N, C-alpha and C. Protein backbone atom coordinates (compact mmCIF):
# COMPACT_ATOMS: atom_id res chain seq x y z
N UNK A 1 -6.88 -18.40 16.50
CA UNK A 1 -5.92 -18.14 15.43
C UNK A 1 -4.67 -17.52 16.04
N UNK A 2 -3.48 -18.07 15.75
CA UNK A 2 -2.26 -17.56 16.37
C UNK A 2 -1.94 -16.13 15.96
N UNK A 3 -1.40 -15.37 16.92
CA UNK A 3 -0.93 -14.02 16.66
C UNK A 3 0.45 -14.09 16.02
N UNK A 4 0.74 -13.18 15.10
CA UNK A 4 2.06 -13.10 14.50
C UNK A 4 2.79 -11.86 15.02
N UNK A 5 4.11 -11.81 14.79
CA UNK A 5 4.93 -10.78 15.40
C UNK A 5 4.43 -9.37 15.11
N UNK A 6 4.10 -9.08 13.86
CA UNK A 6 3.68 -7.73 13.52
C UNK A 6 2.32 -7.37 14.11
N UNK A 7 1.61 -8.38 14.60
CA UNK A 7 0.28 -8.14 15.18
C UNK A 7 0.34 -7.86 16.67
N UNK A 8 1.52 -8.01 17.28
CA UNK A 8 1.65 -7.75 18.72
C UNK A 8 1.44 -6.26 19.03
N UNK A 9 2.06 -5.39 18.23
CA UNK A 9 1.97 -3.96 18.52
C UNK A 9 0.54 -3.44 18.51
N UNK A 10 -0.25 -3.70 17.45
CA UNK A 10 -1.63 -3.20 17.49
C UNK A 10 -2.47 -3.84 18.59
N UNK A 11 -2.06 -5.03 19.06
CA UNK A 11 -2.78 -5.66 20.16
C UNK A 11 -2.44 -5.00 21.50
N UNK A 12 -1.16 -4.65 21.69
CA UNK A 12 -0.70 -4.12 22.97
C UNK A 12 -0.91 -2.62 23.11
N UNK A 13 -0.97 -1.90 21.99
CA UNK A 13 -1.01 -0.45 22.05
C UNK A 13 -2.30 0.07 22.67
N UNK A 14 -3.32 -0.76 22.71
CA UNK A 14 -4.58 -0.32 23.34
C UNK A 14 -4.41 -0.05 24.84
N UNK A 15 -3.45 -0.70 25.47
CA UNK A 15 -3.26 -0.50 26.92
C UNK A 15 -2.79 0.93 27.23
N UNK A 16 -1.68 1.40 26.64
CA UNK A 16 -1.32 2.80 26.93
C UNK A 16 -2.34 3.80 26.40
N UNK A 17 -2.99 3.47 25.28
CA UNK A 17 -4.01 4.38 24.74
C UNK A 17 -5.16 4.56 25.73
N UNK A 18 -5.47 3.51 26.48
CA UNK A 18 -6.54 3.60 27.48
C UNK A 18 -6.04 4.09 28.83
N UNK A 19 -4.87 3.61 29.26
CA UNK A 19 -4.39 3.88 30.61
C UNK A 19 -3.86 5.29 30.80
N UNK A 20 -3.17 5.83 29.78
CA UNK A 20 -2.63 7.19 29.93
C UNK A 20 -3.75 8.22 30.08
N UNK A 21 -4.78 8.20 29.22
CA UNK A 21 -5.89 9.14 29.45
C UNK A 21 -6.58 8.93 30.79
N UNK A 22 -6.71 7.67 31.21
CA UNK A 22 -7.36 7.39 32.49
C UNK A 22 -6.57 7.99 33.65
N UNK A 23 -5.23 7.85 33.59
CA UNK A 23 -4.39 8.38 34.67
C UNK A 23 -4.46 9.91 34.71
N UNK A 24 -4.36 10.54 33.56
CA UNK A 24 -4.42 12.01 33.52
C UNK A 24 -5.80 12.51 33.92
N UNK A 25 -6.84 11.83 33.44
CA UNK A 25 -8.21 12.23 33.79
C UNK A 25 -8.46 12.11 35.28
N UNK A 26 -7.94 11.05 35.91
CA UNK A 26 -8.12 10.87 37.35
C UNK A 26 -7.48 12.02 38.13
N UNK A 27 -6.27 12.39 37.72
CA UNK A 27 -5.59 13.49 38.42
C UNK A 27 -6.27 14.83 38.16
N UNK A 28 -6.74 15.03 36.94
CA UNK A 28 -7.43 16.28 36.61
C UNK A 28 -8.73 16.41 37.42
N UNK A 29 -9.49 15.32 37.49
CA UNK A 29 -10.73 15.33 38.27
C UNK A 29 -10.45 15.47 39.76
N UNK A 30 -9.35 14.86 40.20
CA UNK A 30 -8.97 14.99 41.61
C UNK A 30 -8.69 16.44 41.96
N UNK A 31 -8.05 17.14 41.05
CA UNK A 31 -7.75 18.57 41.28
C UNK A 31 -9.04 19.39 41.30
N UNK A 32 -9.99 19.04 40.44
CA UNK A 32 -11.23 19.81 40.35
C UNK A 32 -12.18 19.52 41.50
N UNK A 33 -12.15 18.26 42.00
CA UNK A 33 -13.11 17.85 43.03
C UNK A 33 -12.50 17.67 44.41
N UNK A 34 -11.16 17.82 44.49
CA UNK A 34 -10.45 17.62 45.75
C UNK A 34 -10.66 16.21 46.30
N UNK A 35 -10.66 15.23 45.39
CA UNK A 35 -10.90 13.83 45.77
C UNK A 35 -9.59 13.08 45.99
N UNK A 36 -9.40 12.58 47.20
CA UNK A 36 -8.21 11.78 47.51
C UNK A 36 -8.24 10.44 46.75
N UNK A 37 -9.41 9.87 46.58
CA UNK A 37 -9.53 8.58 45.90
C UNK A 37 -9.09 8.70 44.44
N UNK A 38 -9.52 9.77 43.76
CA UNK A 38 -9.13 9.97 42.37
C UNK A 38 -7.64 10.26 42.25
N UNK A 39 -7.10 11.02 43.20
CA UNK A 39 -5.66 11.30 43.19
C UNK A 39 -4.86 10.02 43.35
N UNK A 40 -5.32 9.14 44.22
CA UNK A 40 -4.63 7.86 44.40
C UNK A 40 -4.75 7.00 43.15
N UNK A 41 -5.90 7.06 42.50
CA UNK A 41 -6.07 6.31 41.25
C UNK A 41 -5.08 6.80 40.20
N UNK A 42 -4.91 8.11 40.08
CA UNK A 42 -3.95 8.66 39.14
C UNK A 42 -2.53 8.26 39.48
N UNK A 43 -2.20 8.23 40.77
CA UNK A 43 -0.86 7.84 41.20
C UNK A 43 -0.56 6.39 40.86
N UNK A 44 -1.56 5.53 40.96
CA UNK A 44 -1.37 4.11 40.68
C UNK A 44 -1.38 3.83 39.17
N UNK A 45 -2.24 4.53 38.46
CA UNK A 45 -2.42 4.25 37.03
C UNK A 45 -1.24 4.70 36.17
N UNK A 46 -0.60 5.83 36.53
CA UNK A 46 0.44 6.35 35.64
C UNK A 46 1.62 5.39 35.47
N UNK A 47 2.15 4.77 36.52
CA UNK A 47 3.23 3.80 36.30
C UNK A 47 2.80 2.61 35.45
N UNK A 48 1.55 2.17 35.62
CA UNK A 48 1.05 1.06 34.80
C UNK A 48 0.96 1.50 33.34
N UNK A 49 0.50 2.73 33.11
CA UNK A 49 0.43 3.26 31.74
C UNK A 49 1.81 3.35 31.12
N UNK A 50 2.78 3.82 31.89
CA UNK A 50 4.14 3.95 31.38
C UNK A 50 4.73 2.58 31.05
N UNK A 51 4.52 1.61 31.92
CA UNK A 51 5.03 0.26 31.66
C UNK A 51 4.42 -0.33 30.40
N UNK A 52 3.13 -0.12 30.22
CA UNK A 52 2.46 -0.64 29.03
C UNK A 52 2.98 0.06 27.77
N UNK A 53 3.35 1.34 27.89
CA UNK A 53 3.89 2.08 26.75
C UNK A 53 5.26 1.52 26.36
N UNK A 54 6.06 1.16 27.34
CA UNK A 54 7.39 0.58 27.05
C UNK A 54 7.23 -0.74 26.30
N UNK A 55 6.34 -1.59 26.78
CA UNK A 55 6.11 -2.89 26.12
C UNK A 55 5.58 -2.68 24.71
N UNK A 56 4.63 -1.76 24.56
CA UNK A 56 4.05 -1.48 23.24
C UNK A 56 5.10 -0.92 22.28
N UNK A 57 5.98 -0.05 22.80
CA UNK A 57 7.03 0.53 21.96
C UNK A 57 8.00 -0.54 21.47
N UNK A 58 8.35 -1.47 22.36
CA UNK A 58 9.23 -2.57 21.96
C UNK A 58 8.58 -3.41 20.87
N UNK A 59 7.29 -3.68 21.03
CA UNK A 59 6.56 -4.44 20.01
C UNK A 59 6.50 -3.65 18.70
N UNK A 60 6.46 -2.32 18.80
CA UNK A 60 6.45 -1.49 17.60
C UNK A 60 7.75 -1.60 16.83
N UNK A 61 8.87 -1.71 17.53
CA UNK A 61 10.16 -1.89 16.85
C UNK A 61 10.20 -3.22 16.11
N UNK A 62 9.63 -4.25 16.73
CA UNK A 62 9.56 -5.55 16.06
C UNK A 62 8.71 -5.44 14.80
N UNK A 63 7.55 -4.80 14.92
CA UNK A 63 6.65 -4.65 13.77
C UNK A 63 7.32 -3.87 12.65
N UNK A 64 8.12 -2.86 13.01
CA UNK A 64 8.80 -2.05 12.00
C UNK A 64 9.65 -2.91 11.07
N UNK A 65 10.27 -3.94 11.61
CA UNK A 65 11.15 -4.79 10.81
C UNK A 65 10.40 -5.88 10.05
N UNK A 66 9.14 -6.09 10.40
CA UNK A 66 8.35 -7.13 9.73
C UNK A 66 7.53 -6.58 8.57
N UNK A 67 7.19 -5.29 8.63
CA UNK A 67 6.30 -4.73 7.62
C UNK A 67 7.08 -4.04 6.51
N UNK A 68 6.39 -3.79 5.41
CA UNK A 68 6.97 -3.04 4.30
C UNK A 68 6.37 -1.63 4.33
N UNK A 69 7.26 -0.63 4.40
CA UNK A 69 6.79 0.76 4.44
C UNK A 69 7.74 1.61 3.61
N UNK A 70 7.25 2.12 2.50
CA UNK A 70 8.09 2.92 1.61
C UNK A 70 7.34 4.18 1.21
N UNK A 71 8.08 5.19 0.79
CA UNK A 71 7.45 6.43 0.37
C UNK A 71 6.66 7.09 1.48
N UNK A 72 5.42 7.45 1.20
CA UNK A 72 4.57 8.09 2.20
C UNK A 72 4.38 7.17 3.41
N UNK A 73 4.26 5.88 3.16
CA UNK A 73 4.08 4.93 4.26
C UNK A 73 5.28 4.96 5.21
N UNK A 74 6.48 5.11 4.66
CA UNK A 74 7.66 5.22 5.52
C UNK A 74 7.62 6.49 6.35
N UNK A 75 7.18 7.60 5.75
CA UNK A 75 7.08 8.85 6.50
C UNK A 75 6.08 8.72 7.65
N UNK A 76 5.00 8.03 7.38
CA UNK A 76 4.02 7.77 8.44
C UNK A 76 4.64 6.95 9.56
N UNK A 77 5.35 5.89 9.18
CA UNK A 77 5.97 5.02 10.19
C UNK A 77 6.99 5.79 11.01
N UNK A 78 7.86 6.58 10.35
CA UNK A 78 8.90 7.32 11.06
C UNK A 78 8.30 8.34 12.02
N UNK A 79 7.26 9.05 11.58
CA UNK A 79 6.61 10.03 12.44
C UNK A 79 5.91 9.35 13.61
N UNK A 80 5.21 8.27 13.34
CA UNK A 80 4.55 7.47 14.36
C UNK A 80 5.57 6.99 15.39
N UNK A 81 6.71 6.51 14.92
CA UNK A 81 7.76 6.01 15.81
C UNK A 81 8.32 7.13 16.68
N UNK A 82 8.62 8.28 16.09
CA UNK A 82 9.18 9.39 16.85
C UNK A 82 8.23 9.84 17.96
N UNK A 83 6.96 9.99 17.61
CA UNK A 83 5.97 10.40 18.61
C UNK A 83 5.87 9.38 19.73
N UNK A 84 5.88 8.10 19.37
CA UNK A 84 5.73 7.07 20.39
C UNK A 84 6.95 6.96 21.29
N UNK A 85 8.14 7.14 20.72
CA UNK A 85 9.36 7.16 21.54
C UNK A 85 9.30 8.32 22.53
N UNK A 86 8.91 9.50 22.03
CA UNK A 86 8.80 10.67 22.90
C UNK A 86 7.75 10.47 23.98
N UNK A 87 6.60 9.92 23.60
CA UNK A 87 5.53 9.68 24.57
C UNK A 87 5.94 8.66 25.62
N UNK A 88 6.67 7.63 25.21
CA UNK A 88 7.13 6.63 26.16
C UNK A 88 8.10 7.25 27.16
N UNK A 89 9.01 8.09 26.68
CA UNK A 89 9.95 8.76 27.57
C UNK A 89 9.24 9.71 28.53
N UNK A 90 8.29 10.49 28.00
CA UNK A 90 7.54 11.42 28.84
C UNK A 90 6.70 10.67 29.86
N UNK A 91 6.04 9.60 29.41
CA UNK A 91 5.22 8.82 30.33
C UNK A 91 6.04 8.19 31.44
N UNK A 92 7.23 7.72 31.11
CA UNK A 92 8.11 7.13 32.12
C UNK A 92 8.54 8.19 33.14
N UNK A 93 8.89 9.38 32.65
CA UNK A 93 9.28 10.47 33.55
C UNK A 93 8.11 10.89 34.44
N UNK A 94 6.92 10.97 33.85
CA UNK A 94 5.73 11.33 34.64
C UNK A 94 5.44 10.29 35.71
N UNK A 95 5.61 9.01 35.35
CA UNK A 95 5.37 7.94 36.31
C UNK A 95 6.35 8.01 37.46
N UNK A 96 7.64 8.24 37.16
CA UNK A 96 8.66 8.34 38.21
C UNK A 96 8.36 9.50 39.15
N UNK A 97 7.89 10.60 38.61
CA UNK A 97 7.53 11.76 39.43
C UNK A 97 6.27 11.50 40.23
N UNK A 98 5.29 10.89 39.58
CA UNK A 98 3.96 10.74 40.19
C UNK A 98 3.96 9.80 41.38
N UNK A 99 4.83 8.80 41.36
CA UNK A 99 4.87 7.81 42.46
C UNK A 99 5.13 8.49 43.80
N UNK A 100 5.95 9.53 43.81
CA UNK A 100 6.32 10.16 45.07
C UNK A 100 5.54 11.42 45.40
N UNK A 101 4.51 11.72 44.64
CA UNK A 101 3.74 12.95 44.85
C UNK A 101 2.29 12.61 45.15
N UNK A 102 1.77 13.20 46.23
CA UNK A 102 0.38 12.91 46.60
C UNK A 102 -0.59 13.48 45.59
N UNK A 103 -0.35 14.72 45.15
CA UNK A 103 -1.19 15.35 44.14
C UNK A 103 -0.32 16.18 43.21
N UNK A 104 -0.38 15.94 41.92
CA UNK A 104 0.47 16.69 41.00
C UNK A 104 -0.06 18.09 40.77
N UNK A 105 0.84 18.95 40.30
CA UNK A 105 0.48 20.33 40.04
C UNK A 105 -0.01 20.55 38.62
N UNK A 106 -0.23 21.83 38.30
CA UNK A 106 -0.78 22.20 37.00
C UNK A 106 0.18 21.85 35.86
N UNK A 107 1.48 21.98 36.09
CA UNK A 107 2.44 21.68 35.03
C UNK A 107 2.39 20.21 34.63
N UNK A 108 2.30 19.36 35.63
CA UNK A 108 2.19 17.92 35.36
C UNK A 108 0.96 17.63 34.51
N UNK A 109 -0.16 18.23 34.88
CA UNK A 109 -1.40 18.01 34.14
C UNK A 109 -1.31 18.59 32.73
N UNK A 110 -0.63 19.72 32.58
CA UNK A 110 -0.47 20.31 31.25
C UNK A 110 0.35 19.40 30.34
N UNK A 111 1.42 18.83 30.90
CA UNK A 111 2.24 17.90 30.12
C UNK A 111 1.41 16.67 29.74
N UNK A 112 0.62 16.19 30.70
CA UNK A 112 -0.22 15.02 30.44
C UNK A 112 -1.24 15.29 29.35
N UNK A 113 -1.87 16.45 29.37
CA UNK A 113 -2.87 16.79 28.35
C UNK A 113 -2.23 16.95 26.98
N UNK A 114 -1.04 17.56 26.96
CA UNK A 114 -0.32 17.67 25.68
C UNK A 114 0.05 16.29 25.14
N UNK A 115 0.43 15.40 26.07
CA UNK A 115 0.75 14.04 25.67
C UNK A 115 -0.45 13.31 25.08
N UNK A 116 -1.63 13.59 25.62
CA UNK A 116 -2.83 12.95 25.08
C UNK A 116 -3.10 13.41 23.65
N UNK A 117 -2.83 14.69 23.38
CA UNK A 117 -2.99 15.18 22.02
C UNK A 117 -2.04 14.48 21.06
N UNK A 118 -0.78 14.35 21.48
CA UNK A 118 0.21 13.65 20.65
C UNK A 118 -0.14 12.19 20.49
N UNK A 119 -0.66 11.59 21.55
CA UNK A 119 -1.07 10.18 21.50
C UNK A 119 -2.18 9.97 20.48
N UNK A 120 -3.14 10.86 20.49
CA UNK A 120 -4.24 10.75 19.53
C UNK A 120 -3.76 10.88 18.09
N UNK A 121 -2.84 11.81 17.85
CA UNK A 121 -2.33 11.99 16.49
C UNK A 121 -1.49 10.79 16.06
N UNK A 122 -0.69 10.26 16.97
CA UNK A 122 0.12 9.08 16.65
C UNK A 122 -0.76 7.88 16.32
N UNK A 123 -1.84 7.73 17.08
CA UNK A 123 -2.78 6.64 16.79
C UNK A 123 -3.42 6.81 15.42
N UNK A 124 -3.74 8.06 15.08
CA UNK A 124 -4.29 8.35 13.74
C UNK A 124 -3.31 7.94 12.65
N UNK A 125 -2.03 8.26 12.83
CA UNK A 125 -1.03 7.89 11.84
C UNK A 125 -0.90 6.37 11.72
N UNK A 126 -0.99 5.67 12.85
CA UNK A 126 -0.94 4.21 12.81
C UNK A 126 -2.08 3.63 12.00
N UNK A 127 -3.27 4.16 12.20
CA UNK A 127 -4.41 3.70 11.43
C UNK A 127 -4.28 4.05 9.96
N UNK A 128 -3.72 5.22 9.68
CA UNK A 128 -3.52 5.64 8.29
C UNK A 128 -2.55 4.70 7.57
N UNK A 129 -1.52 4.28 8.27
CA UNK A 129 -0.56 3.34 7.68
C UNK A 129 -1.25 2.06 7.21
N UNK A 130 -2.12 1.54 8.06
CA UNK A 130 -2.76 0.26 7.77
C UNK A 130 -3.90 0.41 6.78
N UNK A 131 -4.83 1.31 7.07
CA UNK A 131 -6.07 1.36 6.31
C UNK A 131 -5.96 2.12 4.99
N UNK A 132 -5.00 3.03 4.90
CA UNK A 132 -4.82 3.79 3.66
C UNK A 132 -3.70 3.24 2.80
N UNK A 133 -2.64 2.76 3.44
CA UNK A 133 -1.44 2.36 2.71
C UNK A 133 -1.14 0.87 2.79
N UNK A 134 -1.91 0.11 3.54
CA UNK A 134 -1.75 -1.34 3.55
C UNK A 134 -0.51 -1.85 4.25
N UNK A 135 0.11 -1.02 5.10
CA UNK A 135 1.31 -1.46 5.81
C UNK A 135 0.94 -2.61 6.77
N UNK A 136 1.64 -3.72 6.63
CA UNK A 136 1.37 -4.88 7.48
C UNK A 136 0.22 -5.74 7.01
N UNK A 137 -0.41 -5.37 5.90
CA UNK A 137 -1.54 -6.13 5.37
C UNK A 137 -1.02 -7.11 4.32
N UNK A 138 -1.14 -8.38 4.60
CA UNK A 138 -0.55 -9.40 3.72
C UNK A 138 -1.06 -9.32 2.28
N UNK A 139 -2.38 -9.23 2.03
CA UNK A 139 -2.84 -9.17 0.63
C UNK A 139 -2.37 -7.93 -0.11
N UNK A 140 -1.98 -6.89 0.62
CA UNK A 140 -1.50 -5.65 -0.02
C UNK A 140 0.00 -5.65 -0.20
N UNK A 141 0.65 -6.80 0.04
CA UNK A 141 2.10 -6.91 -0.03
C UNK A 141 2.75 -5.98 0.99
N UNK A 142 2.10 -5.86 2.14
CA UNK A 142 2.59 -4.96 3.17
C UNK A 142 3.52 -5.60 4.18
N UNK A 143 3.95 -6.84 3.92
CA UNK A 143 4.90 -7.52 4.80
C UNK A 143 6.18 -7.79 4.03
N UNK A 144 7.30 -7.68 4.68
CA UNK A 144 8.59 -7.80 3.98
C UNK A 144 8.89 -9.21 3.53
N UNK A 145 8.66 -10.17 4.40
CA UNK A 145 9.07 -11.54 4.11
C UNK A 145 7.89 -12.47 3.89
N UNK A 146 6.78 -11.94 3.43
CA UNK A 146 5.61 -12.77 3.19
C UNK A 146 4.76 -12.95 4.42
N UNK A 147 5.39 -13.24 5.57
CA UNK A 147 4.70 -13.36 6.85
C UNK A 147 5.74 -13.60 7.92
N UNK A 148 5.31 -13.58 9.18
CA UNK A 148 6.22 -13.82 10.30
C UNK A 148 5.77 -15.06 11.05
N UNK A 149 6.61 -15.58 11.97
CA UNK A 149 6.25 -16.79 12.69
C UNK A 149 4.99 -16.62 13.54
N UNK A 150 4.24 -17.69 13.69
CA UNK A 150 3.08 -17.68 14.56
C UNK A 150 3.52 -17.74 16.02
N UNK A 151 2.78 -17.06 16.88
CA UNK A 151 3.02 -17.17 18.31
C UNK A 151 2.16 -18.31 18.84
N UNK A 152 2.62 -19.51 18.57
CA UNK A 152 1.88 -20.72 18.90
C UNK A 152 2.86 -21.81 19.29
N UNK A 153 2.40 -22.82 20.06
CA UNK A 153 3.29 -23.92 20.42
C UNK A 153 3.99 -24.49 19.19
N UNK A 154 5.27 -24.72 19.34
CA UNK A 154 6.05 -25.22 18.23
C UNK A 154 6.71 -24.13 17.42
N UNK A 155 6.27 -22.87 17.62
CA UNK A 155 6.84 -21.75 16.86
C UNK A 155 7.42 -20.67 17.78
N UNK A 156 7.32 -20.86 19.11
CA UNK A 156 7.75 -19.81 20.03
C UNK A 156 9.24 -19.51 19.89
N UNK A 157 10.05 -20.56 19.74
CA UNK A 157 11.49 -20.35 19.61
C UNK A 157 11.83 -19.54 18.38
N UNK A 158 11.23 -19.89 17.26
CA UNK A 158 11.46 -19.17 16.02
C UNK A 158 10.99 -17.72 16.15
N UNK A 159 9.81 -17.52 16.77
CA UNK A 159 9.28 -16.17 16.93
C UNK A 159 10.16 -15.34 17.83
N UNK A 160 10.68 -15.94 18.91
CA UNK A 160 11.55 -15.20 19.83
C UNK A 160 12.83 -14.78 19.14
N UNK A 161 13.43 -15.69 18.38
CA UNK A 161 14.66 -15.34 17.66
C UNK A 161 14.41 -14.24 16.64
N UNK A 162 13.28 -14.32 15.98
CA UNK A 162 12.94 -13.31 14.99
C UNK A 162 12.71 -11.95 15.66
N UNK A 163 12.03 -11.96 16.81
CA UNK A 163 11.76 -10.71 17.52
C UNK A 163 13.05 -10.05 17.99
N UNK A 164 13.97 -10.86 18.50
CA UNK A 164 15.27 -10.32 18.95
C UNK A 164 16.01 -9.72 17.76
N UNK A 165 16.00 -10.43 16.64
CA UNK A 165 16.66 -9.93 15.43
C UNK A 165 16.03 -8.63 14.97
N UNK A 166 14.69 -8.56 15.04
CA UNK A 166 13.98 -7.36 14.62
C UNK A 166 14.38 -6.16 15.47
N UNK A 167 14.43 -6.34 16.78
CA UNK A 167 14.79 -5.23 17.68
C UNK A 167 16.24 -4.81 17.43
N UNK A 168 17.13 -5.79 17.25
CA UNK A 168 18.53 -5.48 16.99
C UNK A 168 18.69 -4.68 15.69
N UNK A 169 17.82 -4.93 14.73
CA UNK A 169 17.87 -4.20 13.47
C UNK A 169 17.13 -2.88 13.55
N UNK A 170 16.01 -2.86 14.27
CA UNK A 170 15.16 -1.67 14.31
C UNK A 170 15.81 -0.51 15.04
N UNK A 171 16.51 -0.77 16.13
CA UNK A 171 17.09 0.32 16.91
C UNK A 171 18.13 1.10 16.10
N UNK A 172 19.12 0.41 15.48
CA UNK A 172 20.07 1.19 14.65
C UNK A 172 19.40 1.91 13.48
N UNK A 173 18.38 1.28 12.89
CA UNK A 173 17.66 1.93 11.79
C UNK A 173 16.99 3.21 12.26
N UNK A 174 16.31 3.12 13.41
CA UNK A 174 15.63 4.30 13.96
C UNK A 174 16.62 5.40 14.31
N UNK A 175 17.74 5.02 14.94
CA UNK A 175 18.75 6.01 15.33
C UNK A 175 19.34 6.68 14.09
N UNK A 176 19.65 5.88 13.08
CA UNK A 176 20.23 6.42 11.85
C UNK A 176 19.27 7.39 11.17
N UNK A 177 18.00 7.02 11.10
CA UNK A 177 17.02 7.90 10.45
C UNK A 177 16.82 9.18 11.24
N UNK A 178 16.80 9.07 12.57
CA UNK A 178 16.63 10.27 13.39
C UNK A 178 17.82 11.20 13.27
N UNK A 179 19.03 10.63 13.23
CA UNK A 179 20.21 11.46 13.04
C UNK A 179 20.19 12.17 11.69
N UNK A 180 19.59 11.52 10.70
CA UNK A 180 19.49 12.11 9.37
C UNK A 180 18.37 13.14 9.29
N UNK A 181 17.67 13.36 10.40
CA UNK A 181 16.60 14.35 10.43
C UNK A 181 15.24 13.79 10.08
N UNK A 182 15.14 12.47 10.00
CA UNK A 182 13.88 11.82 9.63
C UNK A 182 13.04 11.61 10.88
N UNK A 183 12.58 12.72 11.47
CA UNK A 183 11.86 12.64 12.74
C UNK A 183 10.35 12.65 12.54
N UNK A 184 9.85 13.67 11.88
CA UNK A 184 8.40 13.81 11.68
C UNK A 184 8.11 14.06 10.20
N UNK A 185 8.57 13.18 9.32
CA UNK A 185 8.45 13.45 7.88
C UNK A 185 7.02 13.45 7.36
N UNK A 186 6.07 12.90 8.11
CA UNK A 186 4.68 12.89 7.64
C UNK A 186 4.00 14.24 7.83
N UNK A 187 4.56 15.08 8.70
CA UNK A 187 3.95 16.38 8.95
C UNK A 187 4.04 17.23 7.67
N UNK A 188 2.91 17.71 7.22
CA UNK A 188 2.88 18.56 6.04
C UNK A 188 2.84 17.82 4.72
N UNK A 189 2.82 16.49 4.76
CA UNK A 189 2.78 15.71 3.52
C UNK A 189 1.35 15.28 3.21
N UNK A 190 1.10 14.99 1.94
CA UNK A 190 -0.17 14.42 1.54
C UNK A 190 -0.15 12.95 1.94
N UNK A 191 -1.02 12.55 2.85
CA UNK A 191 -0.99 11.20 3.40
C UNK A 191 -1.94 10.24 2.70
N UNK A 192 -2.61 10.71 1.66
CA UNK A 192 -3.60 9.87 1.00
C UNK A 192 -2.94 8.92 0.00
N UNK A 193 -3.67 7.89 -0.36
CA UNK A 193 -3.21 6.90 -1.34
C UNK A 193 -4.37 6.61 -2.30
N UNK A 194 -4.79 7.60 -3.09
CA UNK A 194 -6.00 7.45 -3.91
C UNK A 194 -5.90 6.35 -4.95
N UNK A 195 -4.69 6.03 -5.40
CA UNK A 195 -4.52 4.98 -6.41
C UNK A 195 -4.49 3.59 -5.79
N UNK A 196 -4.58 3.52 -4.45
CA UNK A 196 -4.56 2.24 -3.72
C UNK A 196 -3.30 1.43 -4.07
N UNK A 197 -2.17 2.12 -4.14
CA UNK A 197 -0.91 1.44 -4.44
C UNK A 197 -0.47 0.61 -3.23
N UNK A 198 0.07 -0.59 -3.46
CA UNK A 198 0.61 -1.38 -2.36
C UNK A 198 1.87 -0.73 -1.81
N UNK A 199 2.28 -1.05 -0.58
CA UNK A 199 3.44 -0.41 0.03
C UNK A 199 4.70 -0.49 -0.83
N UNK A 200 4.89 -1.60 -1.54
CA UNK A 200 6.10 -1.74 -2.37
C UNK A 200 6.17 -0.65 -3.44
N UNK A 201 5.01 -0.28 -4.00
CA UNK A 201 4.98 0.68 -5.10
C UNK A 201 4.91 2.13 -4.64
N UNK A 202 4.61 2.35 -3.36
CA UNK A 202 4.52 3.72 -2.87
C UNK A 202 5.88 4.40 -2.93
N UNK A 203 6.94 3.64 -2.65
CA UNK A 203 8.28 4.21 -2.72
C UNK A 203 8.63 4.63 -4.12
N UNK A 204 8.27 3.80 -5.10
CA UNK A 204 8.55 4.13 -6.50
C UNK A 204 7.80 5.38 -6.92
N UNK A 205 6.58 5.56 -6.40
CA UNK A 205 5.80 6.74 -6.76
C UNK A 205 6.48 8.01 -6.28
N UNK A 206 7.18 7.92 -5.14
CA UNK A 206 7.78 9.11 -4.55
C UNK A 206 9.23 9.32 -4.97
N UNK A 207 9.76 8.43 -5.83
CA UNK A 207 11.14 8.59 -6.24
C UNK A 207 11.29 9.84 -7.09
N UNK A 208 12.45 10.45 -6.94
CA UNK A 208 12.71 11.66 -7.70
C UNK A 208 13.55 12.60 -6.87
N UNK A 209 13.91 13.75 -7.38
CA UNK A 209 14.75 14.70 -6.65
C UNK A 209 14.13 15.06 -5.32
N UNK A 210 14.89 14.89 -4.26
CA UNK A 210 14.43 15.25 -2.93
C UNK A 210 13.51 14.25 -2.30
N UNK A 211 13.27 13.12 -2.94
CA UNK A 211 12.36 12.12 -2.37
C UNK A 211 13.00 11.48 -1.16
N UNK A 212 12.22 11.13 -0.12
CA UNK A 212 12.78 10.50 1.07
C UNK A 212 13.28 9.11 0.76
N UNK A 213 14.32 8.72 1.46
CA UNK A 213 14.87 7.39 1.26
C UNK A 213 14.00 6.35 1.95
N UNK A 214 13.73 5.23 1.30
CA UNK A 214 12.86 4.21 1.85
C UNK A 214 13.62 3.26 2.73
N UNK A 215 12.91 2.62 3.63
CA UNK A 215 13.51 1.56 4.42
C UNK A 215 13.81 0.40 3.48
N UNK A 216 15.02 -0.16 3.50
CA UNK A 216 15.33 -1.25 2.57
C UNK A 216 14.54 -2.50 2.88
């Protein structure tokens, strides 16, 4: 069955989710056991983890423009995006540092462990978007345009054009929302959807004085 544009991000995100903990764990164990082999594994794994995070983040921007996220779902998406942008930047910096260092120090490991905590929370928010709020779920009206092109022969050109358009739209949207202070809006909010409202109706539920602005 062909993959669609919004399905790339959840498919690719497993790589940084697996590789970043593996790289940090290898370096942590190397420090505890004085193992050169584990230290080398950490040195090799971190750049691969960072590269996979960059690819996953780009796919996330594409998905942002394909799905419908309003109200609480939008807050989840914005917080998830902010955390992932920060984690991608931190992972890239860690990779650049790690390549030239035989064994990292305690500060590097502390940053890595903090990053793992943020990674776990961001993954939780991603799951909450899908399983609680139906973001990206076609039967829940969680897609903006009904569906996106298939990544299959005969559709690659259309999918590529759509992906480029999505990224061109997603970056200004993300920058504008961040400038407006929409960085971690899900923190401290009730993230549940007990009425099982579709994403289109979640924005209407949250309308009112002080309600967050939805993605159009």
